Amino acid sequence: MFPRLVLASNNAKKAAELTTLLVPLGIKIVPQSQLGIPEAEEPHPTFVENALAKARHAAAHAGLPAIADDSGLCVAALGGAPGVISARFAGEPASDQRNNDLLLERLATQSDRRAHFYSAIVLVRHAEDPQPIIADGEWHGEILATPRGANGFGYDPLFYLPELKQTAAELDPQLKNTLSHRGQAMRRLLEMLEQYRS
């Protein structure tokens, strides 16, 4: 099993979320920033490749097993964009507001508003692990023409869930974590890790 895992992210919220999920398995999460590990490059066209690159990078620097995720929004009418560049869709510096504005601009003439969030989580036992543990999740909805809700971040105020009649930014945070793409991917990862315990 993995008594310590390096988290290949400097995101404090992500570290807290993963820590809560992995503590029952006896796993301690160490954010890479605590070890002085710089952010990895994310040059790849797919979420899985970028998550794997981040996990290998952290494992190589720390000499420990590492976990990473890469996630984003895929919009049907835009051929899957913004995809892996979701956080930087409108360029640098990254801005949720500018990303949302650009998304609405690109969809202005589109009737197809289908979209989904996707998350790939990768765990490597060491930097050269030939068989990384990979779990993923998808969360389907539609893109609204105007934002709604004050919770969440990123595209959440535009991401509408017809069955709940709410956007991701209107959901209770705990419910969002249960339904979300990252929540689904983490549950799948935990199921795989449980197999290693038994």
N, C-alpha and C. Protein backbone atom coordinates (compact mmCIF):
# COMPACT_ATOMS: atom_id res chain seq x y z
N MET A 1 0.85 -1.19 0.00
CA MET A 1 0.00 0.00 0.00
C MET A 1 0.89 1.24 0.00
N PHE A 2 0.30 2.41 0.07
CA PHE A 2 1.04 3.66 -0.05
C PHE A 2 0.84 4.50 1.22
N PRO A 3 1.76 4.42 2.19
CA PRO A 3 1.57 5.20 3.41
C PRO A 3 1.63 6.72 3.16
N ARG A 4 2.42 7.12 2.14
CA ARG A 4 2.51 8.54 1.79
C ARG A 4 2.40 8.69 0.28
N LEU A 5 1.62 9.69 -0.14
CA LEU A 5 1.46 10.00 -1.56
C LEU A 5 1.75 11.48 -1.77
N VAL A 6 2.55 11.79 -2.77
CA VAL A 6 2.76 13.19 -3.14
C VAL A 6 1.63 13.62 -4.06
N LEU A 7 1.00 14.74 -3.74
CA LEU A 7 -0.03 15.31 -4.59
C LEU A 7 0.62 16.25 -5.59
N ALA A 8 0.51 15.92 -6.87
CA ALA A 8 1.14 16.73 -7.92
C ALA A 8 0.27 17.94 -8.25
N SER A 9 0.08 18.78 -7.24
CA SER A 9 -0.70 20.00 -7.41
C SER A 9 -0.37 20.92 -6.25
N ASN A 10 -0.47 22.22 -6.48
CA ASN A 10 -0.30 23.19 -5.39
C ASN A 10 -1.65 23.74 -4.94
N ASN A 11 -2.74 23.07 -5.35
CA ASN A 11 -4.09 23.51 -5.03
C ASN A 11 -4.47 23.01 -3.63
N ALA A 12 -4.63 23.93 -2.68
CA ALA A 12 -4.92 23.57 -1.29
C ALA A 12 -6.27 22.88 -1.14
N LYS A 13 -7.28 23.33 -1.91
CA LYS A 13 -8.61 22.71 -1.83
C LYS A 13 -8.56 21.27 -2.31
N LYS A 14 -7.80 21.03 -3.38
CA LYS A 14 -7.68 19.67 -3.91
C LYS A 14 -6.97 18.77 -2.89
N ALA A 15 -5.94 19.31 -2.22
CA ALA A 15 -5.21 18.54 -1.21
C ALA A 15 -6.14 18.16 -0.06
N ALA A 16 -6.97 19.10 0.39
CA ALA A 16 -7.89 18.83 1.50
C ALA A 16 -8.91 17.76 1.11
N GLU A 17 -9.43 17.87 -0.11
CA GLU A 17 -10.43 16.91 -0.60
C GLU A 17 -9.84 15.50 -0.68
N LEU A 18 -8.65 15.39 -1.25
CA LEU A 18 -8.02 14.08 -1.39
C LEU A 18 -7.63 13.50 -0.03
N THR A 19 -7.16 14.36 0.86
CA THR A 19 -6.78 13.90 2.19
C THR A 19 -7.97 13.27 2.90
N THR A 20 -9.12 13.92 2.85
CA THR A 20 -10.34 13.41 3.48
C THR A 20 -10.70 12.03 2.94
N LEU A 21 -10.56 11.85 1.63
CA LEU A 21 -10.93 10.59 1.00
C LEU A 21 -9.94 9.47 1.28
N LEU A 22 -8.66 9.81 1.40
CA LEU A 22 -7.63 8.77 1.50
C LEU A 22 -7.22 8.42 2.93
N VAL A 23 -7.54 9.30 3.90
CA VAL A 23 -7.18 9.03 5.29
C VAL A 23 -7.74 7.69 5.79
N PRO A 24 -9.01 7.35 5.46
CA PRO A 24 -9.53 6.06 5.94
C PRO A 24 -8.72 4.85 5.44
N LEU A 25 -7.98 5.03 4.34
CA LEU A 25 -7.15 3.93 3.83
C LEU A 25 -5.75 3.97 4.45
N GLY A 26 -5.53 4.90 5.38
CA GLY A 26 -4.23 5.00 6.02
C GLY A 26 -3.18 5.66 5.15
N ILE A 27 -3.62 6.52 4.22
CA ILE A 27 -2.70 7.18 3.29
C ILE A 27 -2.58 8.66 3.64
N LYS A 28 -1.35 9.13 3.78
CA LYS A 28 -1.10 10.55 4.06
C LYS A 28 -0.75 11.26 2.76
N ILE A 29 -1.43 12.40 2.48
CA ILE A 29 -1.17 13.19 1.29
C ILE A 29 -0.18 14.30 1.62
N VAL A 30 0.87 14.42 0.81
CA VAL A 30 1.87 15.49 0.96
C VAL A 30 1.83 16.34 -0.31
N PRO A 31 1.35 17.59 -0.23
CA PRO A 31 1.36 18.44 -1.42
C PRO A 31 2.79 18.68 -1.91
N GLN A 32 2.99 18.68 -3.22
CA GLN A 32 4.34 18.82 -3.77
C GLN A 32 4.99 20.14 -3.34
N SER A 33 4.20 21.16 -3.06
CA SER A 33 4.76 22.45 -2.65
C SER A 33 5.53 22.33 -1.33
N GLN A 34 5.10 21.42 -0.45
CA GLN A 34 5.80 21.21 0.82
C GLN A 34 7.19 20.62 0.61
N LEU A 35 7.39 19.99 -0.54
CA LEU A 35 8.67 19.36 -0.84
C LEU A 35 9.49 20.21 -1.81
N GLY A 36 9.00 21.40 -2.13
CA GLY A 36 9.73 22.30 -3.04
C GLY A 36 9.73 21.83 -4.48
N ILE A 37 8.72 21.03 -4.87
CA ILE A 37 8.64 20.51 -6.24
C ILE A 37 7.88 21.51 -7.11
N PRO A 38 8.47 21.94 -8.22
CA PRO A 38 7.78 22.91 -9.09
C PRO A 38 6.65 22.25 -9.87
N GLU A 39 5.73 23.07 -10.38
CA GLU A 39 4.65 22.56 -11.23
C GLU A 39 5.23 21.92 -12.48
N ALA A 40 4.61 20.86 -12.95
CA ALA A 40 5.05 20.18 -14.17
C ALA A 40 4.47 20.87 -15.40
N GLU A 41 5.11 20.68 -16.53
CA GLU A 41 4.55 21.11 -17.81
C GLU A 41 3.35 20.23 -18.14
N GLU A 42 2.37 20.80 -18.85
CA GLU A 42 1.20 20.04 -19.28
C GLU A 42 1.01 20.23 -20.79
N PRO A 43 1.91 19.64 -21.59
CA PRO A 43 1.89 19.93 -23.03
C PRO A 43 0.99 19.02 -23.86
N HIS A 44 0.35 18.06 -23.23
CA HIS A 44 -0.32 17.00 -23.99
C HIS A 44 -1.76 17.36 -24.38
N PRO A 45 -2.29 16.68 -25.41
CA PRO A 45 -3.65 16.99 -25.88
C PRO A 45 -4.76 16.27 -25.11
N THR A 46 -4.38 15.34 -24.20
CA THR A 46 -5.42 14.61 -23.45
C THR A 46 -5.22 14.78 -21.95
N PHE A 47 -6.33 14.66 -21.22
CA PHE A 47 -6.31 14.78 -19.77
C PHE A 47 -5.44 13.69 -19.13
N VAL A 48 -5.57 12.46 -19.62
CA VAL A 48 -4.82 11.34 -19.04
C VAL A 48 -3.31 11.56 -19.18
N GLU A 49 -2.89 11.99 -20.36
CA GLU A 49 -1.45 12.21 -20.58
C GLU A 49 -0.91 13.31 -19.67
N ASN A 50 -1.68 14.37 -19.49
CA ASN A 50 -1.23 15.46 -18.63
C ASN A 50 -1.19 15.04 -17.17
N ALA A 51 -2.20 14.30 -16.71
CA ALA A 51 -2.21 13.81 -15.33
C ALA A 51 -1.03 12.88 -15.09
N LEU A 52 -0.75 12.01 -16.07
CA LEU A 52 0.38 11.09 -15.95
C LEU A 52 1.71 11.84 -15.89
N ALA A 53 1.84 12.86 -16.74
CA ALA A 53 3.08 13.67 -16.74
C ALA A 53 3.28 14.34 -15.39
N LYS A 54 2.20 14.87 -14.81
CA LYS A 54 2.31 15.53 -13.50
C LYS A 54 2.67 14.54 -12.40
N ALA A 55 2.05 13.36 -12.43
CA ALA A 55 2.33 12.34 -11.41
C ALA A 55 3.77 11.85 -11.51
N ARG A 56 4.23 11.58 -12.72
CA ARG A 56 5.63 11.11 -12.90
C ARG A 56 6.63 12.18 -12.45
N HIS A 57 6.33 13.43 -12.79
CA HIS A 57 7.20 14.55 -12.41
C HIS A 57 7.35 14.63 -10.88
N ALA A 58 6.21 14.57 -10.17
CA ALA A 58 6.25 14.66 -8.71
C ALA A 58 6.96 13.45 -8.09
N ALA A 59 6.68 12.26 -8.63
CA ALA A 59 7.31 11.04 -8.11
C ALA A 59 8.82 11.08 -8.31
N ALA A 60 9.26 11.58 -9.46
CA ALA A 60 10.70 11.65 -9.76
C ALA A 60 11.41 12.59 -8.78
N HIS A 61 10.79 13.72 -8.49
CA HIS A 61 11.40 14.70 -7.58
C HIS A 61 11.38 14.23 -6.13
N ALA A 62 10.30 13.54 -5.73
CA ALA A 62 10.12 13.18 -4.32
C ALA A 62 10.65 11.81 -3.97
N GLY A 63 10.79 10.94 -4.97
CA GLY A 63 11.18 9.56 -4.67
C GLY A 63 10.07 8.82 -3.93
N LEU A 64 8.82 9.24 -4.15
CA LEU A 64 7.66 8.65 -3.49
C LEU A 64 6.56 8.38 -4.52
N PRO A 65 5.58 7.54 -4.18
CA PRO A 65 4.42 7.42 -5.06
C PRO A 65 3.73 8.79 -5.18
N ALA A 66 3.06 9.03 -6.30
CA ALA A 66 2.42 10.34 -6.52
C ALA A 66 1.06 10.17 -7.17
N ILE A 67 0.20 11.16 -6.90
CA ILE A 67 -1.14 11.20 -7.48
C ILE A 67 -1.36 12.55 -8.14
N ALA A 68 -2.05 12.54 -9.28
CA ALA A 68 -2.33 13.79 -9.99
C ALA A 68 -3.67 13.67 -10.68
N ASP A 69 -4.30 14.82 -10.90
CA ASP A 69 -5.51 14.79 -11.72
C ASP A 69 -5.43 15.90 -12.75
N ASP A 70 -6.12 15.69 -13.87
CA ASP A 70 -6.27 16.73 -14.87
C ASP A 70 -7.73 16.71 -15.27
N SER A 71 -8.34 17.86 -15.31
CA SER A 71 -9.77 17.90 -15.59
C SER A 71 -10.14 19.17 -16.34
N GLY A 72 -11.33 19.17 -16.92
CA GLY A 72 -11.77 20.34 -17.66
C GLY A 72 -13.15 20.13 -18.24
N LEU A 73 -13.58 21.14 -19.00
CA LEU A 73 -14.90 21.16 -19.61
C LEU A 73 -14.79 20.83 -21.09
N CYS A 74 -15.66 19.95 -21.57
CA CYS A 74 -15.71 19.58 -22.99
C CYS A 74 -17.10 19.92 -23.52
N VAL A 75 -17.15 20.78 -24.53
CA VAL A 75 -18.42 21.25 -25.08
C VAL A 75 -18.64 20.63 -26.46
N ALA A 76 -19.77 19.97 -26.63
CA ALA A 76 -20.03 19.21 -27.87
C ALA A 76 -19.94 20.09 -29.11
N ALA A 77 -20.57 21.25 -29.10
CA ALA A 77 -20.61 22.11 -30.29
C ALA A 77 -19.25 22.71 -30.64
N LEU A 78 -18.31 22.65 -29.70
CA LEU A 78 -16.97 23.19 -29.93
C LEU A 78 -15.94 22.09 -30.16
N GLY A 79 -16.42 20.89 -30.50
CA GLY A 79 -15.51 19.78 -30.77
C GLY A 79 -14.73 19.32 -29.56
N GLY A 80 -15.29 19.52 -28.36
CA GLY A 80 -14.61 19.10 -27.13
C GLY A 80 -13.84 20.22 -26.45
N ALA A 81 -13.73 21.38 -27.08
CA ALA A 81 -13.07 22.52 -26.43
C ALA A 81 -13.97 23.02 -25.28
N PRO A 82 -13.38 23.68 -24.29
CA PRO A 82 -11.96 24.04 -24.15
C PRO A 82 -11.04 22.89 -23.75
N GLY A 83 -11.58 21.77 -23.28
CA GLY A 83 -10.76 20.58 -23.03
C GLY A 83 -9.61 20.82 -22.07
N VAL A 84 -8.43 20.36 -22.47
CA VAL A 84 -7.27 20.41 -21.56
C VAL A 84 -6.81 21.84 -21.27
N ILE A 85 -7.27 22.81 -22.07
CA ILE A 85 -6.87 24.19 -21.78
C ILE A 85 -8.01 24.95 -21.09
N SER A 86 -8.91 24.23 -20.42
CA SER A 86 -10.07 24.86 -19.78
C SER A 86 -9.68 26.02 -18.87
N ALA A 87 -8.64 25.85 -18.07
CA ALA A 87 -8.25 26.91 -17.11
C ALA A 87 -7.63 28.11 -17.81
N ARG A 88 -7.13 27.92 -19.03
CA ARG A 88 -6.43 29.01 -19.75
C ARG A 88 -7.09 29.26 -21.11
N PHE A 89 -8.39 28.97 -21.21
CA PHE A 89 -9.12 29.06 -22.48
C PHE A 89 -8.99 30.44 -23.11
N ALA A 90 -9.07 31.48 -22.30
CA ALA A 90 -8.99 32.86 -22.81
C ALA A 90 -7.57 33.42 -22.72
N GLY A 91 -6.59 32.54 -22.48
CA GLY A 91 -5.19 32.97 -22.43
C GLY A 91 -4.72 33.30 -21.02
N GLU A 92 -3.48 33.77 -20.94
CA GLU A 92 -2.87 34.13 -19.66
C GLU A 92 -3.02 35.63 -19.41
N PRO A 93 -3.09 36.05 -18.16
CA PRO A 93 -3.22 35.22 -16.96
C PRO A 93 -4.61 34.56 -16.91
N ALA A 94 -4.66 33.37 -16.32
CA ALA A 94 -5.91 32.62 -16.26
C ALA A 94 -6.98 33.42 -15.52
N SER A 95 -8.19 33.42 -16.07
CA SER A 95 -9.29 34.18 -15.47
C SER A 95 -10.60 33.46 -15.72
N ASP A 96 -11.30 33.10 -14.64
CA ASP A 96 -12.61 32.44 -14.77
C ASP A 96 -13.56 33.32 -15.57
N GLN A 97 -13.58 34.61 -15.27
CA GLN A 97 -14.51 35.52 -15.93
C GLN A 97 -14.25 35.57 -17.44
N ARG A 98 -12.99 35.71 -17.83
CA ARG A 98 -12.67 35.79 -19.26
C ARG A 98 -12.93 34.46 -19.96
N ASN A 99 -12.65 33.35 -19.27
CA ASN A 99 -12.94 32.03 -19.83
C ASN A 99 -14.43 31.86 -20.09
N ASN A 100 -15.25 32.26 -19.11
CA ASN A 100 -16.70 32.14 -19.26
C ASN A 100 -17.21 33.05 -20.38
N ASP A 101 -16.69 34.27 -20.45
CA ASP A 101 -17.10 35.20 -21.51
C ASP A 101 -16.78 34.64 -22.89
N LEU A 102 -15.58 34.06 -23.04
CA LEU A 102 -15.18 33.49 -24.32
C LEU A 102 -16.06 32.29 -24.69
N LEU A 103 -16.36 31.45 -23.69
CA LEU A 103 -17.23 30.30 -23.95
C LEU A 103 -18.59 30.75 -24.46
N LEU A 104 -19.17 31.75 -23.81
CA LEU A 104 -20.49 32.25 -24.23
C LEU A 104 -20.42 32.88 -25.62
N GLU A 105 -19.32 33.55 -25.91
CA GLU A 105 -19.14 34.15 -27.24
C GLU A 105 -19.10 33.07 -28.31
N ARG A 106 -18.35 31.99 -28.04
CA ARG A 106 -18.22 30.90 -29.02
C ARG A 106 -19.54 30.14 -29.22
N LEU A 107 -20.38 30.14 -28.19
CA LEU A 107 -21.65 29.40 -28.26
C LEU A 107 -22.83 30.27 -28.67
N ALA A 108 -22.58 31.55 -28.92
CA ALA A 108 -23.66 32.51 -29.18
C ALA A 108 -24.60 32.06 -30.30
N THR A 109 -24.05 31.44 -31.33
CA THR A 109 -24.88 31.04 -32.48
C THR A 109 -25.20 29.55 -32.49
N GLN A 110 -24.87 28.85 -31.40
CA GLN A 110 -25.06 27.40 -31.36
C GLN A 110 -26.33 27.04 -30.60
N SER A 111 -27.09 26.11 -31.15
CA SER A 111 -28.29 25.62 -30.44
C SER A 111 -27.96 24.41 -29.56
N ASP A 112 -26.90 23.68 -29.91
CA ASP A 112 -26.47 22.52 -29.13
C ASP A 112 -25.65 23.02 -27.94
N ARG A 113 -26.19 22.90 -26.74
CA ARG A 113 -25.52 23.41 -25.53
C ARG A 113 -24.98 22.28 -24.65
N ARG A 114 -24.95 21.06 -25.17
CA ARG A 114 -24.47 19.91 -24.37
C ARG A 114 -23.00 20.07 -24.01
N ALA A 115 -22.67 19.68 -22.77
CA ALA A 115 -21.28 19.75 -22.31
C ALA A 115 -21.09 18.75 -21.17
N HIS A 116 -19.84 18.42 -20.92
CA HIS A 116 -19.54 17.61 -19.74
C HIS A 116 -18.18 17.98 -19.17
N PHE A 117 -18.09 17.86 -17.86
CA PHE A 117 -16.80 17.96 -17.19
C PHE A 117 -16.17 16.56 -17.20
N TYR A 118 -14.85 16.51 -17.34
CA TYR A 118 -14.13 15.24 -17.34
C TYR A 118 -12.95 15.34 -16.38
N SER A 119 -12.67 14.28 -15.66
CA SER A 119 -11.50 14.23 -14.76
C SER A 119 -10.78 12.91 -14.94
N ALA A 120 -9.46 12.99 -15.06
CA ALA A 120 -8.60 11.79 -15.05
C ALA A 120 -7.68 11.89 -13.84
N ILE A 121 -7.69 10.86 -13.01
CA ILE A 121 -6.80 10.79 -11.84
C ILE A 121 -5.83 9.65 -12.06
N VAL A 122 -4.54 9.95 -11.86
CA VAL A 122 -3.49 8.95 -12.10
C VAL A 122 -2.64 8.81 -10.84
N LEU A 123 -2.37 7.57 -10.47
CA LEU A 123 -1.47 7.28 -9.35
C LEU A 123 -0.31 6.44 -9.87
N VAL A 124 0.91 6.88 -9.59
CA VAL A 124 2.09 6.08 -9.96
C VAL A 124 2.82 5.66 -8.69
N ARG A 125 3.30 4.42 -8.67
CA ARG A 125 4.03 3.90 -7.52
C ARG A 125 5.44 4.49 -7.45
N HIS A 126 5.98 4.81 -8.65
CA HIS A 126 7.29 5.46 -8.78
C HIS A 126 7.32 6.11 -10.15
N ALA A 127 8.33 6.92 -10.40
CA ALA A 127 8.35 7.75 -11.61
C ALA A 127 8.29 6.94 -12.90
N GLU A 128 8.84 5.72 -12.89
CA GLU A 128 8.87 4.91 -14.11
C GLU A 128 7.81 3.80 -14.11
N ASP A 129 6.82 3.92 -13.25
CA ASP A 129 5.78 2.90 -13.11
C ASP A 129 5.19 2.54 -14.49
N PRO A 130 5.34 1.25 -14.91
CA PRO A 130 4.82 0.87 -16.22
C PRO A 130 3.31 0.62 -16.22
N GLN A 131 2.72 0.56 -15.02
CA GLN A 131 1.28 0.25 -14.93
C GLN A 131 0.61 1.21 -13.94
N PRO A 132 0.51 2.50 -14.33
CA PRO A 132 -0.13 3.46 -13.43
C PRO A 132 -1.59 3.10 -13.20
N ILE A 133 -2.10 3.48 -12.05
CA ILE A 133 -3.52 3.29 -11.73
C ILE A 133 -4.26 4.52 -12.25
N ILE A 134 -5.23 4.30 -13.14
CA ILE A 134 -5.93 5.41 -13.79
C ILE A 134 -7.43 5.26 -13.56
N ALA A 135 -8.06 6.35 -13.10
CA ALA A 135 -9.51 6.37 -12.90
C ALA A 135 -10.04 7.66 -13.51
N ASP A 136 -11.26 7.60 -14.03
CA ASP A 136 -11.82 8.82 -14.61
C ASP A 136 -13.30 8.96 -14.29
N GLY A 137 -13.83 10.14 -14.56
CA GLY A 137 -15.24 10.42 -14.31
C GLY A 137 -15.75 11.50 -15.24
N GLU A 138 -17.04 11.44 -15.58
CA GLU A 138 -17.68 12.44 -16.42
C GLU A 138 -18.94 12.95 -15.74
N TRP A 139 -19.24 14.25 -15.95
CA TRP A 139 -20.42 14.88 -15.36
C TRP A 139 -21.11 15.67 -16.46
N HIS A 140 -22.30 15.24 -16.86
CA HIS A 140 -22.97 15.79 -18.04
C HIS A 140 -24.00 16.85 -17.69
N GLY A 141 -24.06 17.87 -18.54
CA GLY A 141 -25.03 18.95 -18.36
C GLY A 141 -25.14 19.78 -19.62
N GLU A 142 -25.53 21.05 -19.45
CA GLU A 142 -25.68 21.99 -20.57
C GLU A 142 -25.07 23.34 -20.17
N ILE A 143 -24.75 24.14 -21.17
CA ILE A 143 -24.22 25.47 -20.91
C ILE A 143 -25.34 26.50 -21.05
N LEU A 144 -25.55 27.27 -19.97
CA LEU A 144 -26.56 28.33 -19.99
C LEU A 144 -26.05 29.56 -20.73
N ALA A 145 -26.97 30.46 -21.07
CA ALA A 145 -26.58 31.71 -21.73
C ALA A 145 -26.14 32.78 -20.73
N THR A 146 -26.55 32.63 -19.47
CA THR A 146 -26.13 33.57 -18.42
C THR A 146 -25.78 32.79 -17.16
N PRO A 147 -24.79 33.27 -16.40
CA PRO A 147 -24.36 32.54 -15.20
C PRO A 147 -25.38 32.60 -14.07
N ARG A 148 -25.37 31.55 -13.25
CA ARG A 148 -26.24 31.47 -12.07
C ARG A 148 -25.50 30.81 -10.93
N GLY A 149 -25.62 31.37 -9.72
CA GLY A 149 -25.05 30.75 -8.52
C GLY A 149 -23.73 31.36 -8.10
N ALA A 150 -23.44 31.24 -6.80
CA ALA A 150 -22.25 31.88 -6.22
C ALA A 150 -21.24 30.87 -5.69
N ASN A 151 -21.58 29.58 -5.69
CA ASN A 151 -20.63 28.56 -5.21
C ASN A 151 -19.73 28.12 -6.36
N GLY A 152 -18.78 27.27 -6.04
CA GLY A 152 -17.93 26.69 -7.07
C GLY A 152 -16.97 27.69 -7.67
N PHE A 153 -16.44 27.33 -8.84
CA PHE A 153 -15.44 28.15 -9.53
C PHE A 153 -15.44 27.75 -10.99
N GLY A 154 -14.61 28.41 -11.77
CA GLY A 154 -14.48 28.06 -13.18
C GLY A 154 -15.79 28.23 -13.93
N TYR A 155 -16.19 27.19 -14.63
CA TYR A 155 -17.39 27.22 -15.46
C TYR A 155 -18.67 26.84 -14.70
N ASP A 156 -18.55 26.61 -13.39
CA ASP A 156 -19.70 26.14 -12.60
C ASP A 156 -20.96 27.00 -12.76
N PRO A 157 -20.86 28.35 -12.81
CA PRO A 157 -22.10 29.15 -12.92
C PRO A 157 -22.83 28.97 -14.26
N LEU A 158 -22.15 28.45 -15.27
CA LEU A 158 -22.77 28.23 -16.59
C LEU A 158 -23.19 26.77 -16.81
N PHE A 159 -22.70 25.86 -15.96
CA PHE A 159 -22.91 24.43 -16.15
C PHE A 159 -24.22 24.00 -15.48
N TYR A 160 -25.24 23.78 -16.30
CA TYR A 160 -26.60 23.52 -15.82
C TYR A 160 -26.92 22.04 -15.84
N LEU A 161 -27.54 21.58 -14.76
CA LEU A 161 -27.91 20.17 -14.60
C LEU A 161 -29.43 20.07 -14.69
N PRO A 162 -29.97 19.70 -15.87
CA PRO A 162 -31.43 19.71 -16.08
C PRO A 162 -32.21 18.90 -15.05
N GLU A 163 -31.66 17.75 -14.63
CA GLU A 163 -32.40 16.89 -13.70
C GLU A 163 -32.52 17.52 -12.32
N LEU A 164 -31.60 18.43 -11.97
CA LEU A 164 -31.63 19.11 -10.67
C LEU A 164 -32.16 20.54 -10.78
N LYS A 165 -32.29 21.03 -12.03
CA LYS A 165 -32.72 22.41 -12.29
C LYS A 165 -31.83 23.43 -11.57
N GLN A 166 -30.54 23.12 -11.50
CA GLN A 166 -29.56 24.01 -10.87
C GLN A 166 -28.26 23.98 -11.66
N THR A 167 -27.47 25.04 -11.50
CA THR A 167 -26.11 25.00 -12.04
C THR A 167 -25.19 24.38 -10.99
N ALA A 168 -23.99 24.03 -11.40
CA ALA A 168 -23.00 23.50 -10.46
C ALA A 168 -22.69 24.53 -9.38
N ALA A 169 -22.81 25.82 -9.70
CA ALA A 169 -22.54 26.90 -8.74
C ALA A 169 -23.69 27.13 -7.78
N GLU A 170 -24.84 26.51 -8.02
CA GLU A 170 -25.99 26.62 -7.11
C GLU A 170 -26.10 25.42 -6.18
N LEU A 171 -25.34 24.38 -6.46
CA LEU A 171 -25.42 23.15 -5.66
C LEU A 171 -24.75 23.33 -4.31
N ASP A 172 -25.27 22.60 -3.32
CA ASP A 172 -24.56 22.48 -2.05
C ASP A 172 -23.20 21.84 -2.34
N PRO A 173 -22.10 22.40 -1.78
CA PRO A 173 -20.77 21.88 -2.11
C PRO A 173 -20.59 20.38 -1.87
N GLN A 174 -21.22 19.87 -0.80
CA GLN A 174 -21.10 18.44 -0.52
C GLN A 174 -21.77 17.60 -1.60
N LEU A 175 -22.95 18.05 -2.05
CA LEU A 175 -23.65 17.35 -3.13
C LEU A 175 -22.83 17.44 -4.42
N LYS A 176 -22.27 18.61 -4.67
CA LYS A 176 -21.43 18.77 -5.87
C LYS A 176 -20.28 17.77 -5.86
N ASN A 177 -19.60 17.63 -4.71
CA ASN A 177 -18.46 16.70 -4.63
C ASN A 177 -18.89 15.26 -4.87
N THR A 178 -20.12 14.93 -4.50
CA THR A 178 -20.64 13.58 -4.72
C THR A 178 -20.91 13.33 -6.20
N LEU A 179 -21.51 14.33 -6.86
CA LEU A 179 -21.93 14.16 -8.25
C LEU A 179 -20.82 14.40 -9.27
N SER A 180 -19.86 15.22 -8.92
CA SER A 180 -18.92 15.76 -9.89
C SER A 180 -18.03 14.72 -10.55
N HIS A 181 -17.44 15.13 -11.65
CA HIS A 181 -16.49 14.30 -12.39
C HIS A 181 -15.33 13.86 -11.51
N ARG A 182 -14.79 14.79 -10.69
CA ARG A 182 -13.67 14.43 -9.82
C ARG A 182 -14.11 13.48 -8.72
N GLY A 183 -15.32 13.70 -8.19
CA GLY A 183 -15.85 12.80 -7.17
C GLY A 183 -16.02 11.39 -7.71
N GLN A 184 -16.54 11.28 -8.93
CA GLN A 184 -16.71 9.96 -9.55
C GLN A 184 -15.36 9.27 -9.77
N ALA A 185 -14.39 10.05 -10.28
CA ALA A 185 -13.05 9.48 -10.54
C ALA A 185 -12.40 9.02 -9.24
N MET A 186 -12.55 9.83 -8.17
CA MET A 186 -11.95 9.45 -6.88
C MET A 186 -12.57 8.18 -6.33
N ARG A 187 -13.89 8.04 -6.47
CA ARG A 187 -14.54 6.81 -5.99
C ARG A 187 -14.00 5.59 -6.73
N ARG A 188 -13.81 5.73 -8.03
CA ARG A 188 -13.26 4.61 -8.81
C ARG A 188 -11.83 4.30 -8.36
N LEU A 189 -11.05 5.34 -8.12
CA LEU A 189 -9.68 5.14 -7.66
C LEU A 189 -9.67 4.43 -6.30
N LEU A 190 -10.54 4.87 -5.39
CA LEU A 190 -10.60 4.26 -4.07
C LEU A 190 -10.97 2.78 -4.15
N GLU A 191 -11.88 2.44 -5.07
CA GLU A 191 -12.24 1.03 -5.26
C GLU A 191 -11.01 0.22 -5.69
N MET A 192 -10.21 0.81 -6.59
CA MET A 192 -8.99 0.11 -7.04
C MET A 192 -7.99 -0.03 -5.89
N LEU A 193 -7.85 1.03 -5.09
CA LEU A 193 -6.90 0.98 -3.98
C LEU A 193 -7.33 -0.03 -2.92
N GLU A 194 -8.63 -0.17 -2.72
CA GLU A 194 -9.14 -1.16 -1.77
C GLU A 194 -8.71 -2.57 -2.16
N GLN A 195 -8.63 -2.82 -3.47
CA GLN A 195 -8.19 -4.14 -3.95
C GLN A 195 -6.75 -4.44 -3.52
N TYR A 196 -5.93 -3.36 -3.47
CA TYR A 196 -4.55 -3.55 -3.07
C TYR A 196 -4.45 -3.85 -1.56
N ARG A 197 -5.44 -3.36 -0.80
CA ARG A 197 -5.44 -3.59 0.64
C ARG A 197 -5.84 -5.00 0.98
N SER A 198 -6.75 -5.60 0.16
CA SER A 198 -7.30 -6.91 0.49
C SER A 198 -6.35 -8.03 0.12
